[in-house]
C-alpha atoms as a PDB file:
ATOM      1  CA  MET A   1     -19.791  -6.994 -20.623  1.00  0.00           C
ATOM      2  CA  ARG A   2     -19.553 -10.559 -22.091  1.00  0.00           C
ATOM      3  CA  ALA A   3     -17.109 -13.469 -21.713  1.00  0.00           C
ATOM      4  CA  ALA A   4     -15.709 -14.631 -24.715  1.00  0.00           C
ATOM      5  CA  GLY A   5     -17.652 -17.430 -26.261  1.00  0.00           C
ATOM      6  CA  GLN A   6     -20.411 -17.239 -23.691  1.00  0.00           C
ATOM      7  CA  GLY A   7     -23.805 -15.616 -24.049  1.00  0.00           C
ATOM      8  CA  ARG A   8     -24.355 -14.321 -20.513  1.00  0.00           C
ATOM      9  CA  PRO A   9     -22.920 -11.147 -19.078  1.00  0.00           C
ATOM     10  CA  VAL A  10     -19.808 -11.320 -16.763  1.00  0.00           C
ATOM     11  CA  ARG A  11     -19.673  -9.281 -13.418  1.00  0.00           C
ATOM     12  CA  ALA A  12     -16.897  -6.802 -13.455  1.00  0.00           C
ATOM     13  CA  ALA A  13     -14.357  -7.801 -10.944  1.00  0.00           C
ATOM     14  CA  TYR A  14     -14.162  -4.259  -9.398  1.00  0.00           C
ATOM     15  CA  GLY A  15     -15.978  -0.901  -9.537  1.00  0.00           C
ATOM     16  CA  PRO A  16     -19.625  -0.155  -9.124  1.00  0.00           C
ATOM     17  CA  GLN A  17     -20.669  -3.226 -11.245  1.00  0.00           C
ATOM     18  CA  ALA A  18     -18.902  -5.484  -9.019  1.00  0.00           C
ATOM     19  CA  ARG A  19     -21.645  -5.320  -6.183  1.00  0.00           C
ATOM     20  CA  PRO A  20     -25.406  -6.348  -6.487  1.00  0.00           C
ATOM     21  CA  ARG A  21     -27.848  -3.582  -6.968  1.00  0.00           C
ATOM     22  CA  GLY A  22     -28.919  -2.132  -3.392  1.00  0.00           C
ATOM     23  CA  ALA A  23     -25.710  -3.451  -1.672  1.00  0.00           C
ATOM     24  CA  ALA A  24     -23.835  -1.287   0.625  1.00  0.00           C
ATOM     25  CA  GLY A  25     -21.825   0.911  -1.161  1.00  0.00           C
ATOM     26  CA  SER A  26     -23.408   0.220  -4.452  1.00  0.00           C
ATOM     27  CA  ARG A  27     -24.551   3.098  -6.962  1.00  0.00           C
ATOM     28  CA  THR A  28     -28.253   3.016  -7.374  1.00  0.00           C
ATOM     29  CA  ALA A  29     -29.845   5.144 -10.051  1.00  0.00           C
ATOM     30  CA  ASP A  30     -30.772   7.683  -7.405  1.00  0.00           C
ATOM     31  CA  ALA A  31     -26.901   7.812  -6.144  1.00  0.00           C
ATOM     32  CA  VAL A  32     -25.949   8.364  -9.832  1.00  0.00           C
ATOM     33  CA  ARG A  33     -28.184  11.319 -10.310  1.00  0.00           C
ATOM     34  CA  SER A  34     -27.635  12.689  -6.781  1.00  0.00           C
ATOM     35  CA  GLY A  35     -23.906  12.664  -6.771  1.00  0.00           C
ATOM     36  CA  PRO A  36     -20.362  10.895  -6.032  1.00  0.00           C
ATOM     37  CA  LEU A  37     -20.300   7.502  -4.501  1.00  0.00           C
ATOM     38  CA  VAL A  38     -19.675   7.818  -0.842  1.00  0.00           C
ATOM     39  CA  ARG A  39     -17.866   4.542   0.458  1.00  0.00           C
ATOM     40  CA  SER A  40     -16.714   3.446   3.637  1.00  0.00           C
ATOM     41  CA  GLY A  41     -13.556   1.374   4.236  1.00  0.00           C
ATOM     42  CA  PRO A  42     -10.274   1.443   2.111  1.00  0.00           C
ATOM     43  CA  PRO A  43     -10.253   2.214  -1.379  1.00  0.00           C
ATOM     44  CA  ILE A  44     -10.279  -0.678  -3.999  1.00  0.00           C
ATOM     45  CA  GLY A  45      -6.711  -2.204  -4.223  1.00  0.00           C
ATOM     46  CA  HIS A  46      -5.628  -0.596  -0.924  1.00  0.00           C
ATOM     47  CA  CYS A  47      -4.270  -2.992   1.703  1.00  0.00           C
ATOM     48  CA  GLY A  48      -5.211  -1.926   5.112  1.00  0.00           C
ATOM     49  CA  ASP A  49      -3.757   1.275   6.527  1.00  0.00           C
ATOM     50  CA  MET A  50      -0.675   1.017   4.514  1.00  0.00           C
ATOM     51  CA  CYS A  51       1.052  -1.536   2.317  1.00  0.00           C
ATOM     52  CA  ARG A  52       2.838  -3.694   4.833  1.00  0.00           C
ATOM     53  CA  SER A  53       6.113  -4.030   3.001  1.00  0.00           C
ATOM     54  CA  ILE A  54       6.547  -0.230   3.312  1.00  0.00           C
ATOM     55  CA  ARG A  55       7.812   0.755   6.442  1.00  0.00           C
ATOM     56  CA  VAL A  56       7.624   4.151   8.459  1.00  0.00           C
ATOM     57  CA  LEU A  57      11.126   5.713   8.266  1.00  0.00           C
ATOM     58  CA  HIS A  58      10.439   8.980  10.141  1.00  0.00           C
ATOM     59  CA  ASN A  59      11.370   9.769  13.608  1.00  0.00           C
ATOM     60  CA  PHE A  60      13.682   6.684  14.228  1.00  0.00           C
ATOM     61  CA  GLU A  61      16.961   6.893  16.200  1.00  0.00           C
ATOM     62  CA  PRO A  62      19.406   6.207  14.270  1.00  0.00           C
ATOM     63  CA  PRO A  63      17.724   7.869  11.382  1.00  0.00           C
ATOM     64  CA  ALA A  64      16.575   5.710   8.138  1.00  0.00           C
ATOM     65  CA  THR A  65      19.505   4.505   6.244  1.00  0.00           C
ATOM     66  CA  ASP A  66      20.159   4.657   2.480  1.00  0.00           C
ATOM     67  CA  GLU A  67      19.327   1.252   2.166  1.00  0.00           C
ATOM     68  CA  GLU A  68      16.010   1.584   3.913  1.00  0.00           C
ATOM     69  CA  ILE A  69      14.865   4.492   1.831  1.00  0.00           C
ATOM     70  CA  GLU A  70      15.923   2.883  -1.369  1.00  0.00           C
ATOM     71  CA  ALA A  71      14.120  -0.315  -0.303  1.00  0.00           C
ATOM     72  CA  ALA A  72      10.881   1.768   0.336  1.00  0.00           C
ATOM     73  CA  ALA A  73      11.322   3.488  -3.001  1.00  0.00           C
ATOM     74  CA  LEU A  74      11.714   0.255  -4.688  1.00  0.00           C
ATOM     75  CA  GLN A  75       8.728  -1.311  -3.076  1.00  0.00           C
ATOM     76  CA  TYR A  76       6.607   1.969  -3.938  1.00  0.00           C
ATOM     77  CA  VAL A  77       7.585   1.937  -7.605  1.00  0.00           C
ATOM     78  CA  ARG A  78       6.788  -1.886  -7.879  1.00  0.00           C
ATOM     79  CA  LYS A  79       3.472  -1.308  -6.251  1.00  0.00           C
ATOM     80  CA  ILE A  80       2.490   1.385  -8.566  1.00  0.00           C
ATOM     81  CA  SER A  81       3.816  -0.076 -11.683  1.00  0.00           C
ATOM     82  CA  GLY A  82       2.478  -3.395 -11.158  1.00  0.00           C
ATOM     83  CA  SER A  83       5.701  -5.283 -11.765  1.00  0.00           C
ATOM     84  CA  ALA A  84       8.274  -6.573  -9.650  1.00  0.00           C
ATOM     85  CA  ARG A  85      10.662  -6.906 -12.363  1.00  0.00           C
ATOM     86  CA  PRO A  86      10.256  -4.610 -15.368  1.00  0.00           C
ATOM     87  CA  SER A  87      10.912  -5.720 -18.855  1.00  0.00           C
ATOM     88  CA  ALA A  88      14.169  -4.712 -20.585  1.00  0.00           C
ATOM     89  CA  ALA A  89      12.342  -1.843 -22.371  1.00  0.00           C
ATOM     90  CA  ASN A  90      11.202  -0.635 -19.103  1.00  0.00           C
ATOM     91  CA  GLN A  91      14.219  -1.057 -16.896  1.00  0.00           C
ATOM     92  CA  GLU A  92      15.750   2.422 -17.393  1.00  0.00           C
ATOM     93  CA  ALA A  93      12.263   4.092 -16.549  1.00  0.00           C
ATOM     94  CA  PHE A  94      11.638   1.787 -13.556  1.00  0.00           C
ATOM     95  CA  ASP A  95      15.384   2.703 -12.234  1.00  0.00           C
ATOM     96  CA  GLU A  96      14.867   6.439 -12.564  1.00  0.00           C
ATOM     97  CA  ALA A  97      11.695   6.455 -10.807  1.00  0.00           C
ATOM     98  CA  VAL A  98      13.343   4.571  -8.100  1.00  0.00           C
ATOM     99  CA  ARG A  99      15.860   7.036  -7.798  1.00  0.00           C
ATOM    100  CA  ALA A 100      13.548   9.885  -8.044  1.00  0.00           C
ATOM    101  CA  VAL A 101      11.207   8.551  -5.215  1.00  0.00           C
ATOM    102  CA  ALA A 102      14.264   7.850  -3.049  1.00  0.00           C
ATOM    103  CA  ALA A 103      15.478  11.454  -3.305  1.00  0.00           C
ATOM    104  CA  ALA A 104      11.930  12.740  -2.731  1.00  0.00           C
ATOM    105  CA  THR A 105      11.775  10.545   0.416  1.00  0.00           C
ATOM    106  CA  ARG A 106      15.269  11.787   1.741  1.00  0.00           C
ATOM    107  CA  THR A 107      14.147  15.370   1.183  1.00  0.00           C
ATOM    108  CA  LEU A 108      10.870  14.546   3.093  1.00  0.00           C
ATOM    109  CA  LEU A 109      12.538  12.829   5.850  1.00  0.00           C
ATOM    110  CA  GLU A 110      15.158  15.858   6.270  1.00  0.00           C
ATOM    111  CA  SER A 111      12.410  18.229   6.248  1.00  0.00           C
ATOM    112  CA  LEU A 112      10.076  16.694   8.683  1.00  0.00           C
ATOM    113  CA  VAL A 113      10.014  18.149  12.500  1.00  0.00           C
ATOM    114  CA  THR A 114       8.066  16.505  15.334  1.00  0.00           C
ATOM    115  CA  ALA A 115       7.891  17.102  19.059  1.00  0.00           C
ATOM    116  CA  ALA A 116       7.683  13.521  19.751  1.00  0.00           C
ATOM    117  CA  PRO A 117      10.830  11.506  20.922  1.00  0.00           C
ATOM    118  CA  PRO A 118      12.326   9.308  18.416  1.00  0.00           C
ATOM    119  CA  ARG A 119      11.096   5.623  18.210  1.00  0.00           C
ATOM    120  CA  ASP A 120      13.221   2.722  19.015  1.00  0.00           C
ATOM    121  CA  ARG A 121      13.525   0.357  16.322  1.00  0.00           C
ATOM    122  CA  GLU A 122      13.651  -2.807  18.774  1.00  0.00           C
ATOM    123  CA  VAL A 123      10.501  -1.595  20.474  1.00  0.00           C
ATOM    124  CA  GLU A 124       8.574  -1.050  16.981  1.00  0.00           C
ATOM    125  CA  ALA A 125       9.443  -4.377  15.902  1.00  0.00           C
ATOM    126  CA  ALA A 126       8.258  -6.161  19.082  1.00  0.00           C
ATOM    127  CA  LYS A 127       4.912  -4.327  18.538  1.00  0.00           C
ATOM    128  CA  ALA A 128       4.783  -5.408  14.964  1.00  0.00           C
ATOM    129  CA  ARG A 129       5.642  -9.014  16.100  1.00  0.00           C
ATOM    130  CA  ALA A 130       2.652  -8.754  18.653  1.00  0.00           C
ATOM    131  CA  ARG A 131       0.490  -7.408  16.020  1.00  0.00           C
ATOM    132  CA  ALA A 132       1.244 -10.241  13.596  1.00  0.00           C
ATOM    133  CA  ALA A 133       0.834 -12.928  16.263  1.00  0.00           C
ATOM    134  CA  GLU A 134      -2.753 -11.488  17.037  1.00  0.00           C
ATOM    135  CA  ARG A 135      -3.460 -11.517  13.379  1.00  0.00           C
ATOM    136  CA  TYR A 136      -2.116 -15.007  12.249  1.00  0.00           C
ATOM    137  CA  GLY A 137      -2.771 -16.623  15.796  1.00  0.00           C
ATOM    138  CA  ARG A 138       0.727 -17.600  16.345  1.00  0.00           C
ATOM    139  CA  PRO A 139       2.720 -16.692  19.479  1.00  0.00           C
ATOM    140  CA  ALA A 140       5.098 -13.601  19.137  1.00  0.00           C
ATOM    141  CA  THR A 141       8.658 -14.668  18.687  1.00  0.00           C
ATOM    142  CA  MET A 142      11.987 -12.724  18.722  1.00  0.00           C
ATOM    143  CA  ALA A 143      13.929 -12.247  15.195  1.00  0.00           C
ATOM    144  CA  GLY A 144      16.404 -14.558  14.772  1.00  0.00           C
ATOM    145  CA  ALA A 145      15.176 -16.916  17.650  1.00  0.00           C
END
């Protein structure tokens, strides 16, 4: 792969070409012949355990609201489409995708069963603040304080 106007190859930003030969997780000639790439860690483009802007909605008391379900559906469609605001030409498809994901989410949440007691939103929010404080080195604060 060559950059425009340059005579030297440019390393790919992702994929097996992004790693130097022999680096952990790279595909050597032997690995290519022997089978699929085995990697540890999250897949490329994956943000940790889960995208932080999409929240768990299952097993809360009171149950997830329509607004929460639609917000999660919107975040999901934005993530997979790579667009926060679709063009006018794609707006209808984008809106239909949000409606379909929200409907599938409602169906899923209504169908899931668990023996665990329902989680408390305030307790979960306090845990999230504590994790953020540890991650960013700031003291945990109460929302609105």
